[in-house]
Amino acid sequence: MSTGRVIEITGESPVGFEDAIEQAIGRAAITVRRMQSAWVKEQRVSIVDGAISTYQVNLLVTFVLEE
């Protein structure tokens, strides 16, 4: 039997939501082992002078605890 844990992380990108997700997962993978899935909890954009400047996502990431 395995036990999982869920953490919330945030990623940002000037390119788009998909890039923000990849940035967040890539950074988390440096310190979090055994990640299994991620759920996009929230998406936001920052607007400057009427144009989108930053895409931001909040993710819930599930990983399995080491036995």
Protein backbone atom coordinates (compact mmCIF):
# COMPACT_ATOMS: atom_id res chain seq x y z
CA MET A 1 0.00 0.00 0.00
CA SER A 2 1.25 3.50 -0.78
CA THR A 3 0.41 6.88 0.68
CA GLY A 4 0.16 10.07 -1.35
CA ARG A 5 0.44 13.72 -0.54
CA VAL A 6 -0.92 16.77 -2.34
CA ILE A 7 0.88 20.11 -2.54
CA GLU A 8 -0.12 23.34 -4.23
CA ILE A 9 2.35 25.07 -6.53
CA THR A 10 2.18 28.14 -8.78
CA GLY A 11 3.75 28.70 -12.18
CA GLU A 12 4.05 31.83 -14.32
CA SER A 13 4.93 32.45 -17.94
CA PRO A 14 4.75 35.33 -20.40
CA VAL A 15 4.05 32.75 -23.17
CA GLY A 16 0.87 30.92 -22.10
CA PHE A 17 -0.87 28.62 -19.65
CA GLU A 18 0.76 25.44 -20.99
CA ASP A 19 4.22 26.95 -20.54
CA ALA A 20 3.30 28.08 -17.00
CA ILE A 21 2.32 24.48 -16.18
CA GLU A 22 5.55 23.11 -17.62
CA GLN A 23 7.60 25.70 -15.70
CA ALA A 24 5.88 24.81 -12.42
CA ILE A 25 6.21 21.04 -12.86
CA GLY A 26 9.80 21.35 -14.05
CA ARG A 27 10.79 23.41 -11.02
CA ALA A 28 8.94 21.13 -8.59
CA ALA A 29 10.63 18.06 -10.10
CA ILE A 30 13.98 19.35 -8.83
CA THR A 31 12.98 18.74 -5.21
CA VAL A 32 9.80 16.64 -5.25
CA ARG A 33 10.25 12.97 -6.13
CA ARG A 34 7.63 10.48 -7.29
CA MET A 35 5.15 13.02 -8.69
CA GLN A 36 2.21 11.25 -10.28
CA SER A 37 -0.36 13.81 -11.37
CA ALA A 38 -1.32 17.46 -11.36
CA TRP A 39 -4.68 19.20 -11.42
CA VAL A 40 -5.07 22.76 -12.66
CA LYS A 41 -6.93 24.43 -9.82
CA GLU A 42 -6.91 27.99 -11.09
CA GLN A 43 -5.79 30.07 -14.07
CA ARG A 44 -5.21 33.83 -14.07
CA VAL A 45 -3.73 36.45 -16.33
CA SER A 46 -2.10 39.78 -15.55
CA ILE A 47 -3.03 42.60 -17.91
CA VAL A 48 -0.87 45.61 -18.68
CA ASP A 49 -2.05 48.36 -21.04
CA GLY A 50 -4.91 46.21 -22.28
CA ALA A 51 -2.75 43.18 -23.17
CA ILE A 52 -1.93 39.96 -21.31
CA SER A 53 1.51 40.21 -19.74
CA THR A 54 1.65 37.07 -17.58
CA TYR A 55 -0.16 33.75 -17.45
CA GLN A 56 -0.37 32.11 -14.02
CA VAL A 57 -1.61 28.70 -12.92
CA ASN A 58 -2.14 27.14 -9.50
CA LEU A 59 -1.67 23.37 -9.55
CA LEU A 60 -2.43 20.62 -7.06
CA VAL A 61 0.35 18.07 -7.45
CA THR A 62 0.09 14.50 -6.11
CA PHE A 63 3.16 12.51 -5.20
CA VAL A 64 3.70 9.18 -3.46
CA LEU A 65 5.52 9.19 -0.12
CA GLU A 66 8.58 6.99 0.13
CA GLU A 67 8.15 3.91 2.27
